[in-house]
Amino acid sequence: MWKMYMLPAKTRFKTPVRKIERGVDLKWAVKFEGGEEGGFDGVIVAIGTCGDPKMPHFPGQEKFGGQILHSSELDGLDVSGKKVLVVGGGASAIEAVEYAVAGKASKVDILARVSAP
């Protein structure tokens, strides 16, 4: 499919993106590592769930007494009666919220950022 739609010439691998924001022209302004920029009508983040989990470091997390887990580590986790905070707003985050609710967590909150228009 990739070749059929002539995507090889339009595909970049291992290209770190430093910032994505909505431009004044309503296109997505993407800033790449190294200073290069581009304007796009749409952005698809297709990082997938394969490979090693990527976890951000939260300042002070070493002092936190509870568990900090990646969404890929939920299978078999007992959340009953616990307060759960899900960080993120994507599909994995929603699945984590569903898992916590189904697992009878005492409280479930979701923390997600939103870009201003």
PDB file of N, CA and C in Angstrom:
ATOM      1  N   MET A   1       0.836  -1.195   0.000  1.00  0.00           N
ATOM      2  CA  MET A   1       0.000   0.000   0.000  1.00  0.00           C
ATOM      3  C   MET A   1       0.877   1.253   0.000  1.00  0.00           C
ATOM      4  N   TRP A   2       1.948   1.198   0.785  1.00  0.00           N
ATOM      5  CA  TRP A   2       2.837   2.343   0.910  1.00  0.00           C
ATOM      6  C   TRP A   2       3.417   2.721  -0.452  1.00  0.00           C
ATOM      7  N   LYS A   3       3.857   1.713  -1.179  1.00  0.00           N
ATOM      8  CA  LYS A   3       4.420   1.959  -2.510  1.00  0.00           C
ATOM      9  C   LYS A   3       3.322   2.313  -3.517  1.00  0.00           C
ATOM     10  N   MET A   4       2.181   1.644  -3.415  1.00  0.00           N
ATOM     11  CA  MET A   4       1.081   1.878  -4.340  1.00  0.00           C
ATOM     12  C   MET A   4       0.626   3.348  -4.306  1.00  0.00           C
ATOM     13  N   TYR A   5       0.623   3.937  -3.130  1.00  0.00           N
ATOM     14  CA  TYR A   5       0.210   5.324  -2.986  1.00  0.00           C
ATOM     15  C   TYR A   5       1.395   6.297  -3.104  1.00  0.00           C
ATOM     16  N   MET A   6       2.534   5.791  -3.560  1.00  0.00           N
ATOM     17  CA  MET A   6       3.735   6.598  -3.807  1.00  0.00           C
ATOM     18  C   MET A   6       4.172   7.391  -2.572  1.00  0.00           C
ATOM     19  N   LEU A   7       4.127   6.721  -1.419  1.00  0.00           N
ATOM     20  CA  LEU A   7       4.482   7.391  -0.175  1.00  0.00           C
ATOM     21  C   LEU A   7       5.972   7.364   0.168  1.00  0.00           C
ATOM     22  N   PRO A   8       6.787   6.470  -0.406  1.00  0.00           N
ATOM     23  CA  PRO A   8       8.196   6.475  -0.020  1.00  0.00           C
ATOM     24  C   PRO A   8       8.872   7.841  -0.152  1.00  0.00           C
ATOM     25  N   ALA A   9       8.556   8.600  -1.198  1.00  0.00           N
ATOM     26  CA  ALA A   9       9.184   9.911  -1.393  1.00  0.00           C
ATOM     27  C   ALA A   9       8.659  10.952  -0.399  1.00  0.00           C
ATOM     28  N   LYS A  10       7.538  10.643   0.259  1.00  0.00           N
ATOM     29  CA  LYS A  10       6.927  11.601   1.182  1.00  0.00           C
ATOM     30  C   LYS A  10       7.068  11.162   2.630  1.00  0.00           C
ATOM     31  N   THR A  11       7.861  10.125   2.876  1.00  0.00           N
ATOM     32  CA  THR A  11       7.964   9.550   4.210  1.00  0.00           C
ATOM     33  C   THR A  11       9.339   9.822   4.803  1.00  0.00           C
ATOM     34  N   ARG A  12       9.336  10.217   6.077  1.00  0.00           N
ATOM     35  CA  ARG A  12      10.589  10.406   6.812  1.00  0.00           C
ATOM     36  C   ARG A  12      10.554   9.494   8.030  1.00  0.00           C
ATOM     37  N   PHE A  13      11.647   8.802   8.250  1.00  0.00           N
ATOM     38  CA  PHE A  13      11.772   7.978   9.443  1.00  0.00           C
ATOM     39  C   PHE A  13      12.799   8.620  10.370  1.00  0.00           C
ATOM     40  N   LYS A  14      12.673   8.313  11.646  1.00  0.00           N
ATOM     41  CA  LYS A  14      13.627   8.794  12.653  1.00  0.00           C
ATOM     42  C   LYS A  14      13.828  10.306  12.540  1.00  0.00           C
ATOM     43  N   THR A  15      12.729  11.027  12.469  1.00  0.00           N
ATOM     44  CA  THR A  15      12.759  12.487  12.369  1.00  0.00           C
ATOM     45  C   THR A  15      12.066  13.065  13.603  1.00  0.00           C
ATOM     46  N   PRO A  16      12.823  13.440  14.623  1.00  0.00           N
ATOM     47  CA  PRO A  16      12.195  13.985  15.835  1.00  0.00           C
ATOM     48  C   PRO A  16      11.438  15.278  15.562  1.00  0.00           C
ATOM     49  N   VAL A  17      10.236  15.346  16.097  1.00  0.00           N
ATOM     50  CA  VAL A  17       9.398  16.541  16.009  1.00  0.00           C
ATOM     51  C   VAL A  17       9.492  17.236  17.351  1.00  0.00           C
ATOM     52  N   ARG A  18       9.779  18.512  17.331  1.00  0.00           N
ATOM     53  CA  ARG A  18       9.939  19.273  18.567  1.00  0.00           C
ATOM     54  C   ARG A  18       8.672  20.012  18.978  1.00  0.00           C
ATOM     55  N   LYS A  19       7.824  20.373  17.992  1.00  0.00           N
ATOM     56  CA  LYS A  19       6.619  21.126  18.334  1.00  0.00           C
ATOM     57  C   LYS A  19       5.614  21.036  17.195  1.00  0.00           C
ATOM     58  N   ILE A  20       4.352  20.927  17.556  1.00  0.00           N
ATOM     59  CA  ILE A  20       3.257  20.990  16.589  1.00  0.00           C
ATOM     60  C   ILE A  20       2.231  21.954  17.165  1.00  0.00           C
ATOM     61  N   GLU A  21       1.837  22.914  16.346  1.00  0.00           N
ATOM     62  CA  GLU A  21       0.809  23.847  16.797  1.00  0.00           C
ATOM     63  C   GLU A  21      -0.025  24.299  15.609  1.00  0.00           C
ATOM     64  N   ARG A  22      -1.215  24.770  15.894  1.00  0.00           N
ATOM     65  CA  ARG A  22      -2.111  25.235  14.845  1.00  0.00           C
ATOM     66  C   ARG A  22      -1.634  26.612  14.400  1.00  0.00           C
ATOM     67  N   GLY A  23      -1.377  26.769  13.100  1.00  0.00           N
ATOM     68  CA  GLY A  23      -0.933  28.041  12.555  1.00  0.00           C
ATOM     69  C   GLY A  23      -2.109  28.981  12.339  1.00  0.00           C
ATOM     70  N   VAL A  24      -1.815  30.236  12.062  1.00  0.00           N
ATOM     71  CA  VAL A  24      -2.877  31.223  11.836  1.00  0.00           C
ATOM     72  C   VAL A  24      -3.688  30.887  10.594  1.00  0.00           C
ATOM     73  N   ASP A  25      -3.082  30.157   9.651  1.00  0.00           N
ATOM     74  CA  ASP A  25      -3.792  29.746   8.438  1.00  0.00           C
ATOM     75  C   ASP A  25      -4.566  28.443   8.645  1.00  0.00           C
ATOM     76  N   LEU A  26      -4.661  28.000   9.894  1.00  0.00           N
ATOM     77  CA  LEU A  26      -5.341  26.773  10.311  1.00  0.00           C
ATOM     78  C   LEU A  26      -4.643  25.503   9.830  1.00  0.00           C
ATOM     79  N   LYS A  27      -3.452  25.625   9.303  1.00  0.00           N
ATOM     80  CA  LYS A  27      -2.648  24.442   9.002  1.00  0.00           C
ATOM     81  C   LYS A  27      -1.851  24.101  10.251  1.00  0.00           C
ATOM     82  N   TRP A  28      -1.317  22.911  10.288  1.00  0.00           N
ATOM     83  CA  TRP A  28      -0.481  22.493  11.407  1.00  0.00           C
ATOM     84  C   TRP A  28       0.954  22.904  11.117  1.00  0.00           C
ATOM     85  N   ALA A  29       1.529  23.711  11.993  1.00  0.00           N
ATOM     86  CA  ALA A  29       2.923  24.134  11.876  1.00  0.00           C
ATOM     87  C   ALA A  29       3.765  23.136  12.667  1.00  0.00           C
ATOM     88  N   VAL A  30       4.656  22.441  11.962  1.00  0.00           N
ATOM     89  CA  VAL A  30       5.478  21.411  12.583  1.00  0.00           C
ATOM     90  C   VAL A  30       6.929  21.871  12.578  1.00  0.00           C
ATOM     91  N   LYS A  31       7.541  21.848  13.761  1.00  0.00           N
ATOM     92  CA  LYS A  31       8.954  22.196  13.877  1.00  0.00           C
ATOM     93  C   LYS A  31       9.735  20.920  14.176  1.00  0.00           C
ATOM     94  N   PHE A  32      10.682  20.635  13.304  1.00  0.00           N
ATOM     95  CA  PHE A  32      11.498  19.432  13.433  1.00  0.00           C
ATOM     96  C   PHE A  32      12.792  19.759  14.164  1.00  0.00           C
ATOM     97  N   GLU A  33      13.430  18.718  14.670  1.00  0.00           N
ATOM     98  CA  GLU A  33      14.739  18.891  15.274  1.00  0.00           C
ATOM     99  C   GLU A  33      15.684  19.463  14.223  1.00  0.00           C
ATOM    100  N   GLY A  34      16.512  20.411  14.590  1.00  0.00           N
ATOM    101  CA  GLY A  34      17.419  21.030  13.635  1.00  0.00           C
ATOM    102  C   GLY A  34      16.873  22.325  13.065  1.00  0.00           C
ATOM    103  N   GLY A  35      15.635  22.698  13.434  1.00  0.00           N
ATOM    104  CA  GLY A  35      15.080  23.969  13.027  1.00  0.00           C
ATOM    105  C   GLY A  35      14.209  23.957  11.788  1.00  0.00           C
ATOM    106  N   GLU A  36      14.186  22.866  11.050  1.00  0.00           N
ATOM    107  CA  GLU A  36      13.352  22.796   9.848  1.00  0.00           C
ATOM    108  C   GLU A  36      11.872  22.871  10.250  1.00  0.00           C
ATOM    109  N   GLU A  37      11.078  23.533   9.410  1.00  0.00           N
ATOM    110  CA  GLU A  37       9.646  23.670   9.682  1.00  0.00           C
ATOM    111  C   GLU A  37       8.839  23.265   8.461  1.00  0.00           C
ATOM    112  N   GLY A  38       7.577  22.914   8.680  1.00  0.00           N
ATOM    113  CA  GLY A  38       6.688  22.577   7.585  1.00  0.00           C
ATOM    114  C   GLY A  38       5.249  22.861   7.975  1.00  0.00           C
ATOM    115  N   GLY A  39       4.405  23.137   6.977  1.00  0.00           N
ATOM    116  CA  GLY A  39       2.984  23.359   7.211  1.00  0.00           C
ATOM    117  C   GLY A  39       2.188  22.218   6.603  1.00  0.00           C
ATOM    118  N   PHE A  40       1.234  21.685   7.366  1.00  0.00           N
ATOM    119  CA  PHE A  40       0.496  20.505   6.935  1.00  0.00           C
ATOM    120  C   PHE A  40      -0.994  20.699   7.184  1.00  0.00           C
ATOM    121  N   ASP A  41      -1.816  20.110   6.311  1.00  0.00           N
ATOM    122  CA  ASP A  41      -3.263  20.151   6.491  1.00  0.00           C
ATOM    123  C   ASP A  41      -3.718  19.195   7.588  1.00  0.00           C
ATOM    124  N   GLY A  42      -2.958  18.148   7.804  1.00  0.00           N
ATOM    125  CA  GLY A  42      -3.299  17.168   8.830  1.00  0.00           C
ATOM    126  C   GLY A  42      -2.043  16.533   9.376  1.00  0.00           C
ATOM    127  N   VAL A  43      -2.137  16.021  10.574  1.00  0.00           N
ATOM    128  CA  VAL A  43      -1.031  15.315  11.210  1.00  0.00           C
ATOM    129  C   VAL A  43      -1.589  14.009  11.748  1.00  0.00           C
ATOM    130  N   ILE A  44      -0.951  12.906  11.405  1.00  0.00           N
ATOM    131  CA  ILE A  44      -1.340  11.605  11.931  1.00  0.00           C
ATOM    132  C   ILE A  44      -0.207  11.106  12.814  1.00  0.00           C
ATOM    133  N   VAL A  45      -0.488  10.903  14.070  1.00  0.00           N
ATOM    134  CA  VAL A  45       0.511  10.368  14.984  1.00  0.00           C
ATOM    135  C   VAL A  45       0.261   8.869  15.063  1.00  0.00           C
ATOM    136  N   ALA A  46       1.114   8.127  14.426  1.00  0.00           N
ATOM    137  CA  ALA A  46       0.946   6.676  14.335  1.00  0.00           C
ATOM    138  C   ALA A  46       2.150   5.993  14.947  1.00  0.00           C
ATOM    139  N   ILE A  47       2.331   6.207  16.251  1.00  0.00           N
ATOM    140  CA  ILE A  47       3.497   5.652  16.913  1.00  0.00           C
ATOM    141  C   ILE A  47       3.303   4.188  17.280  1.00  0.00           C
ATOM    142  N   GLY A  48       2.063   3.734  17.264  1.00  0.00           N
ATOM    143  CA  GLY A  48       1.791   2.327  17.521  1.00  0.00           C
ATOM    144  C   GLY A  48       2.053   1.915  18.951  1.00  0.00           C
ATOM    145  N   THR A  49       1.744   0.675  19.241  1.00  0.00           N
ATOM    146  CA  THR A  49       1.945   0.161  20.593  1.00  0.00           C
ATOM    147  C   THR A  49       3.049  -0.882  20.626  1.00  0.00           C
ATOM    148  N   CYS A  50       3.700  -1.097  19.493  1.00  0.00           N
ATOM    149  CA  CYS A  50       4.784  -2.073  19.452  1.00  0.00           C
ATOM    150  C   CYS A  50       6.070  -1.439  19.955  1.00  0.00           C
ATOM    151  N   GLY A  51       6.969  -2.272  20.406  1.00  0.00           N
ATOM    152  CA  GLY A  51       8.254  -1.766  20.874  1.00  0.00           C
ATOM    153  C   GLY A  51       8.219  -1.469  22.357  1.00  0.00           C
ATOM    154  N   ASP A  52       9.305  -0.908  22.822  1.00  0.00           N
ATOM    155  CA  ASP A  52       9.440  -0.600  24.243  1.00  0.00           C
ATOM    156  C   ASP A  52       8.566   0.585  24.628  1.00  0.00           C
ATOM    157  N   PRO A  53       7.912   0.501  25.792  1.00  0.00           N
ATOM    158  CA  PRO A  53       7.103   1.632  26.252  1.00  0.00           C
ATOM    159  C   PRO A  53       7.979   2.863  26.470  1.00  0.00           C
ATOM    160  N   LYS A  54       7.472   4.013  26.128  1.00  0.00           N
ATOM    161  CA  LYS A  54       8.185   5.276  26.341  1.00  0.00           C
ATOM    162  C   LYS A  54       7.499   5.989  27.505  1.00  0.00           C
ATOM    163  N   MET A  55       8.252   6.224  28.571  1.00  0.00           N
ATOM    164  CA  MET A  55       7.701   6.865  29.761  1.00  0.00           C
ATOM    165  C   MET A  55       8.385   8.193  30.007  1.00  0.00           C
ATOM    166  N   PRO A  56       7.613   9.262  30.155  1.00  0.00           N
ATOM    167  CA  PRO A  56       8.240  10.536  30.516  1.00  0.00           C
ATOM    168  C   PRO A  56       8.650  10.508  31.983  1.00  0.00           C
ATOM    169  N   HIS A  57       9.593  11.332  32.338  1.00  0.00           N
ATOM    170  CA  HIS A  57       9.975  11.481  33.744  1.00  0.00           C
ATOM    171  C   HIS A  57       9.194  12.660  34.315  1.00  0.00           C
ATOM    172  N   PHE A  58       8.582  12.453  35.462  1.00  0.00           N
ATOM    173  CA  PHE A  58       7.848  13.519  36.121  1.00  0.00           C
ATOM    174  C   PHE A  58       8.694  14.025  37.280  1.00  0.00           C
ATOM    175  N   PRO A  59       8.912  15.333  37.372  1.00  0.00           N
ATOM    176  CA  PRO A  59       9.721  15.854  38.487  1.00  0.00           C
ATOM    177  C   PRO A  59       9.147  15.392  39.829  1.00  0.00           C
ATOM    178  N   GLY A  60       9.986  14.846  40.668  1.00  0.00           N
ATOM    179  CA  GLY A  60       9.570  14.398  41.992  1.00  0.00           C
ATOM    180  C   GLY A  60       8.945  13.022  42.031  1.00  0.00           C
ATOM    181  N   GLN A  61       8.931  12.301  40.911  1.00  0.00           N
ATOM    182  CA  GLN A  61       8.261  10.998  40.899  1.00  0.00           C
ATOM    183  C   GLN A  61       8.927   9.995  41.833  1.00  0.00           C
ATOM    184  N   GLU A  62      10.197  10.205  42.149  1.00  0.00           N
ATOM    185  CA  GLU A  62      10.896   9.299  43.068  1.00  0.00           C
ATOM    186  C   GLU A  62      10.291   9.359  44.470  1.00  0.00           C
ATOM    187  N   LYS A  63       9.672  10.482  44.804  1.00  0.00           N
ATOM    188  CA  LYS A  63       9.084  10.673  46.134  1.00  0.00           C
ATOM    189  C   LYS A  63       7.651  10.154  46.221  1.00  0.00           C
ATOM    190  N   PHE A  64       7.052   9.846  45.066  1.00  0.00           N
ATOM    191  CA  PHE A  64       5.662   9.390  45.024  1.00  0.00           C
ATOM    192  C   PHE A  64       5.571   7.976  45.583  1.00  0.00           C
ATOM    193  N   GLY A  65       4.625   7.758  46.475  1.00  0.00           N
ATOM    194  CA  GLY A  65       4.505   6.456  47.132  1.00  0.00           C
ATOM    195  C   GLY A  65       3.695   5.428  46.367  1.00  0.00           C
ATOM    196  N   GLY A  66       2.977   5.858  45.330  1.00  0.00           N
ATOM    197  CA  GLY A  66       2.147   4.928  44.573  1.00  0.00           C
ATOM    198  C   GLY A  66       2.873   4.378  43.360  1.00  0.00           C
ATOM    199  N   GLN A  67       2.145   3.659  42.548  1.00  0.00           N
ATOM    200  CA  GLN A  67       2.709   3.080  41.332  1.00  0.00           C
ATOM    201  C   GLN A  67       2.583   4.052  40.167  1.00  0.00           C
ATOM    202  N   ILE A  68       3.593   4.066  39.309  1.00  0.00           N
ATOM    203  CA  ILE A  68       3.532   4.796  38.052  1.00  0.00           C
ATOM    204  C   ILE A  68       3.768   3.753  36.965  1.00  0.00           C
ATOM    205  N   LEU A  69       2.765   3.567  36.113  1.00  0.00           N
ATOM    206  CA  LEU A  69       2.820   2.509  35.113  1.00  0.00           C
ATOM    207  C   LEU A  69       2.568   3.047  33.718  1.00  0.00           C
ATOM    208  N   HIS A  70       3.082   2.358  32.748  1.00  0.00           N
ATOM    209  CA  HIS A  70       2.761   2.620  31.344  1.00  0.00           C
ATOM    210  C   HIS A  70       1.463   1.877  31.043  1.00  0.00           C
ATOM    211  N   SER A  71       0.685   2.368  30.091  1.00  0.00           N
ATOM    212  CA  SER A  71      -0.599   1.734  29.769  1.00  0.00           C
ATOM    213  C   SER A  71      -0.432   0.282  29.315  1.00  0.00           C
ATOM    214  N   SER A  72       0.740  -0.083  28.843  1.00  0.00           N
ATOM    215  CA  SER A  72       0.972  -1.465  28.409  1.00  0.00           C
ATOM    216  C   SER A  72       1.169  -2.414  29.589  1.00  0.00           C
ATOM    217  N   GLU A  73       1.213  -1.895  30.808  1.00  0.00           N
ATOM    218  CA  GLU A  73       1.477  -2.718  31.997  1.00  0.00           C
ATOM    219  C   GLU A  73       0.235  -2.958  32.852  1.00  0.00           C
ATOM    220  N   LEU A  74      -0.948  -2.769  32.304  1.00  0.00           N
ATOM    221  CA  LEU A  74      -2.169  -2.855  33.107  1.00  0.00           C
ATOM    222  C   LEU A  74      -2.713  -4.265  33.282  1.00  0.00           C
ATOM    223  N   ASP A  75      -2.418  -5.179  32.368  1.00  0.00           N
ATOM    224  CA  ASP A  75      -2.996  -6.528  32.444  1.00  0.00           C
ATOM    225  C   ASP A  75      -2.765  -7.156  33.811  1.00  0.00           C
ATOM    226  N   GLY A  76      -3.868  -7.542  34.446  1.00  0.00           N
ATOM    227  CA  GLY A  76      -3.787  -8.205  35.739  1.00  0.00           C
ATOM    228  C   GLY A  76      -3.611  -7.273  36.921  1.00  0.00           C
ATOM    229  N   LEU A  77      -3.503  -5.984  36.689  1.00  0.00           N
ATOM    230  CA  LEU A  77      -3.314  -5.017  37.775  1.00  0.00           C
ATOM    231  C   LEU A  77      -4.604  -4.857  38.564  1.00  0.00           C
ATOM    232  N   ASP A  78      -4.514  -4.939  39.897  1.00  0.00           N
ATOM    233  CA  ASP A  78      -5.679  -4.762  40.757  1.00  0.00           C
ATOM    234  C   ASP A  78      -5.808  -3.286  41.121  1.00  0.00           C
ATOM    235  N   VAL A  79      -6.860  -2.646  40.638  1.00  0.00           N
ATOM    236  CA  VAL A  79      -7.096  -1.227  40.923  1.00  0.00           C
ATOM    237  C   VAL A  79      -8.298  -1.026  41.841  1.00  0.00           C
ATOM    238  N   SER A  80      -8.909  -2.095  42.299  1.00  0.00           N
ATOM    239  CA  SER A  80     -10.127  -1.961  43.106  1.00  0.00           C
ATOM    240  C   SER A  80      -9.854  -1.140  44.367  1.00  0.00           C
ATOM    241  N   GLY A  81     -10.731  -0.140  44.575  1.00  0.00           N
ATOM    242  CA  GLY A  81     -10.626   0.717  45.745  1.00  0.00           C
ATOM    243  C   GLY A  81      -9.517   1.759  45.677  1.00  0.00           C
ATOM    244  N   LYS A  82      -8.784   1.833  44.572  1.00  0.00           N
ATOM    245  CA  LYS A  82      -7.667   2.780  44.471  1.00  0.00           C
ATOM    246  C   LYS A  82      -8.077   4.016  43.682  1.00  0.00           C
ATOM    247  N   LYS A  83      -7.379   5.132  43.973  1.00  0.00           N
ATOM    248  CA  LYS A  83      -7.546   6.353  43.190  1.00  0.00           C
ATOM    249  C   LYS A  83      -6.556   6.272  42.032  1.00  0.00           C
ATOM    250  N   VAL A  84      -7.059   6.468  40.803  1.00  0.00           N
ATOM    251  CA  VAL A  84      -6.240   6.315  39.604  1.00  0.00           C
ATOM    252  C   VAL A  84      -6.244   7.615  38.807  1.00  0.00           C
ATOM    253  N   LEU A  85      -5.054   8.056  38.402  1.00  0.00           N
ATOM    254  CA  LEU A  85      -4.921   9.195  37.504  1.00  0.00           C
ATOM    255  C   LEU A  85      -4.328   8.688  36.207  1.00  0.00           C
ATOM    256  N   VAL A  86      -5.019   8.950  35.111  1.00  0.00           N
ATOM    257  CA  VAL A  86      -4.537   8.582  33.778  1.00  0.00           C
ATOM    258  C   VAL A  86      -4.052   9.857  33.113  1.00  0.00           C
ATOM    259  N   VAL A  87      -2.794   9.866  32.672  1.00  0.00           N
ATOM    260  CA  VAL A  87      -2.216  11.034  32.012  1.00  0.00           C
ATOM    261  C   VAL A  87      -2.204  10.770  30.517  1.00  0.00           C
ATOM    262  N   GLY A  88      -2.915  11.590  29.769  1.00  0.00           N
ATOM    263  CA  GLY A  88      -2.991  11.436  28.321  1.00  0.00           C
ATOM    264  C   GLY A  88      -4.436  11.455  27.878  1.00  0.00           C
ATOM    265  N   GLY A  89      -4.630  11.633  26.580  1.00  0.00           N
ATOM    266  CA  GLY A  89      -5.996  11.711  26.075  1.00  0.00           C
ATOM    267  C   GLY A  89      -6.228  10.871  24.836  1.00  0.00           C
ATOM    268  N   GLY A  90      -5.272  10.026  24.506  1.00  0.00           N
ATOM    269  CA  GLY A  90      -5.398   9.194  23.313  1.00  0.00           C
ATOM    270  C   GLY A  90      -6.121   7.894  23.586  1.00  0.00           C
ATOM    271  N   ALA A  91      -6.092   7.014  22.607  1.00  0.00           N
ATOM    272  CA  ALA A  91      -6.805   5.741  22.705  1.00  0.00           C
ATOM    273  C   ALA A  91      -6.316   4.899  23.878  1.00  0.00           C
ATOM    274  N   SER A  92      -5.005   4.866  24.101  1.00  0.00           N
ATOM    275  CA  SER A  92      -4.464   4.080  25.222  1.00  0.00           C
ATOM    276  C   SER A  92      -4.953   4.636  26.550  1.00  0.00           C
ATOM    277  N   ALA A  93      -5.037   5.957  26.646  1.00  0.00           N
ATOM    278  CA  ALA A  93      -5.524   6.576  27.878  1.00  0.00           C
ATOM    279  C   ALA A  93      -6.985   6.215  28.127  1.00  0.00           C
ATOM    280  N   ILE A  94      -7.790   6.250  27.080  1.00  0.00           N
ATOM    281  CA  ILE A  94      -9.209   5.909  27.236  1.00  0.00           C
ATOM    282  C   ILE A  94      -9.361   4.445  27.637  1.00  0.00           C
ATOM    283  N   GLU A  95      -8.553   3.573  27.048  1.00  0.00           N
ATOM    284  CA  GLU A  95      -8.587   2.166  27.462  1.00  0.00           C
ATOM    285  C   GLU A  95      -8.179   2.020  28.925  1.00  0.00           C
ATOM    286  N   ALA A  96      -7.213   2.806  29.376  1.00  0.00           N
ATOM    287  CA  ALA A  96      -6.788   2.750  30.774  1.00  0.00           C
ATOM    288  C   ALA A  96      -7.906   3.212  31.704  1.00  0.00           C
ATOM    289  N   VAL A  97      -8.641   4.252  31.296  1.00  0.00           N
ATOM    290  CA  VAL A  97      -9.784   4.717  32.087  1.00  0.00           C
ATOM    291  C   VAL A  97     -10.841   3.619  32.163  1.00  0.00           C
ATOM    292  N   GLU A  98     -11.147   3.003  31.015  1.00  0.00           N
ATOM    293  CA  GLU A  98     -12.121   1.907  30.998  1.00  0.00           C
ATOM    294  C   GLU A  98     -11.672   0.768  31.907  1.00  0.00           C
ATOM    295  N   TYR A  99     -10.380   0.453  31.871  1.00  0.00           N
ATOM    296  CA  TYR A  99      -9.823  -0.614  32.716  1.00  0.00           C
ATOM    297  C   TYR A  99     -10.024  -0.270  34.195  1.00  0.00           C
ATOM    298  N   ALA A 100      -9.714   0.981  34.564  1.00  0.00           N
ATOM    299  CA  ALA A 100      -9.841   1.398  35.958  1.00  0.00           C
ATOM    300  C   ALA A 100     -11.291   1.380  36.427  1.00  0.00           C
ATOM    301  N   VAL A 101     -12.204   1.836  35.573  1.00  0.00           N
ATOM    302  CA  VAL A 101     -13.631   1.827  35.928  1.00  0.00           C
ATOM    303  C   VAL A 101     -14.124   0.390  36.075  1.00  0.00           C
ATOM    304  N   ALA A 102     -13.800  -0.457  35.104  1.00  0.00           N
ATOM    305  CA  ALA A 102     -14.215  -1.864  35.167  1.00  0.00           C
ATOM    306  C   ALA A 102     -13.588  -2.580  36.357  1.00  0.00           C
ATOM    307  N   GLY A 103     -12.394  -2.131  36.749  1.00  0.00           N
ATOM    308  CA  GLY A 103     -11.703  -2.738  37.890  1.00  0.00           C
ATOM    309  C   GLY A 103     -12.128  -2.178  39.227  1.00  0.00           C
ATOM    310  N   LYS A 104     -13.172  -1.354  39.220  1.00  0.00           N
ATOM    311  CA  LYS A 104     -13.766  -0.793  40.433  1.00  0.00           C
ATOM    312  C   LYS A 104     -12.807   0.096  41.231  1.00  0.00           C
ATOM    313  N   ALA A 105     -12.048   0.934  40.529  1.00  0.00           N
ATOM    314  CA  ALA A 105     -11.231   1.935  41.215  1.00  0.00           C
ATOM    315  C   ALA A 105     -12.173   2.874  41.964  1.00  0.00           C
ATOM    316  N   SER A 106     -11.751   3.383  43.111  1.00  0.00           N
ATOM    317  CA  SER A 106     -12.630   4.267  43.889  1.00  0.00           C
ATOM    318  C   SER A 106     -12.805   5.620  43.217  1.00  0.00           C
ATOM    319  N   LYS A 107     -11.804   6.052  42.469  1.00  0.00           N
ATOM    320  CA  LYS A 107     -11.874   7.328  41.769  1.00  0.00           C
ATOM    321  C   LYS A 107     -10.965   7.239  40.557  1.00  0.00           C
ATOM    322  N   VAL A 108     -11.423   7.771  39.437  1.00  0.00           N
ATOM    323  CA  VAL A 108     -10.626   7.787  38.204  1.00  0.00           C
ATOM    324  C   VAL A 108     -10.664   9.197  37.632  1.00  0.00           C
ATOM    325  N   ASP A 109      -9.485   9.786  37.473  1.00  0.00           N
ATOM    326  CA  ASP A 109      -9.360  11.108  36.845  1.00  0.00           C
ATOM    327  C   ASP A 109      -8.482  10.955  35.622  1.00  0.00           C
ATOM    328  N   ILE A 110      -8.721  11.821  34.640  1.00  0.00           N
ATOM    329  CA  ILE A 110      -7.894  11.826  33.434  1.00  0.00           C
ATOM    330  C   ILE A 110      -7.347  13.240  33.272  1.00  0.00           C
ATOM    331  N   LEU A 111      -6.052  13.321  33.000  1.00  0.00           N
ATOM    332  CA  LEU A 111      -5.370  14.590  32.812  1.00  0.00           C
ATOM    333  C   LEU A 111      -4.839  14.628  31.392  1.00  0.00           C
ATOM    334  N   ALA A 112      -5.358  15.542  30.589  1.00  0.00           N
ATOM    335  CA  ALA A 112      -4.941  15.651  29.195  1.00  0.00           C
ATOM    336  C   ALA A 112      -4.813  17.118  28.828  1.00  0.00           C
ATOM    337  N   ARG A 113      -3.867  17.398  27.955  1.00  0.00           N
ATOM    338  CA  ARG A 113      -3.692  18.780  27.517  1.00  0.00           C
ATOM    339  C   ARG A 113      -4.496  19.026  26.254  1.00  0.00           C
ATOM    340  N   VAL A 114      -4.813  20.278  26.042  1.00  0.00           N
ATOM    341  CA  VAL A 114      -5.527  20.663  24.839  1.00  0.00           C
ATOM    342  C   VAL A 114      -4.783  21.850  24.222  1.00  0.00           C
ATOM    343  N   SER A 115      -4.699  21.866  22.911  1.00  0.00           N
ATOM    344  CA  SER A 115      -4.089  22.996  22.229  1.00  0.00           C
ATOM    345  C   SER A 115      -5.125  24.087  22.056  1.00  0.00           C
ATOM    346  N   ALA A 116      -4.726  25.305  22.312  1.00  0.00           N
ATOM    347  CA  ALA A 116      -5.648  26.430  22.097  1.00  0.00           C
ATOM    348  C   ALA A 116      -5.773  26.665  20.595  1.00  0.00           C
ATOM    349  N   PRO A 117      -6.982  26.969  20.130  1.00  0.00           N
ATOM    350  CA  PRO A 117      -7.162  27.192  18.685  1.00  0.00           C
ATOM    351  C   PRO A 117      -6.458  28.437  18.193  1.00  0.00           C
TER     352      PRO A 117
END
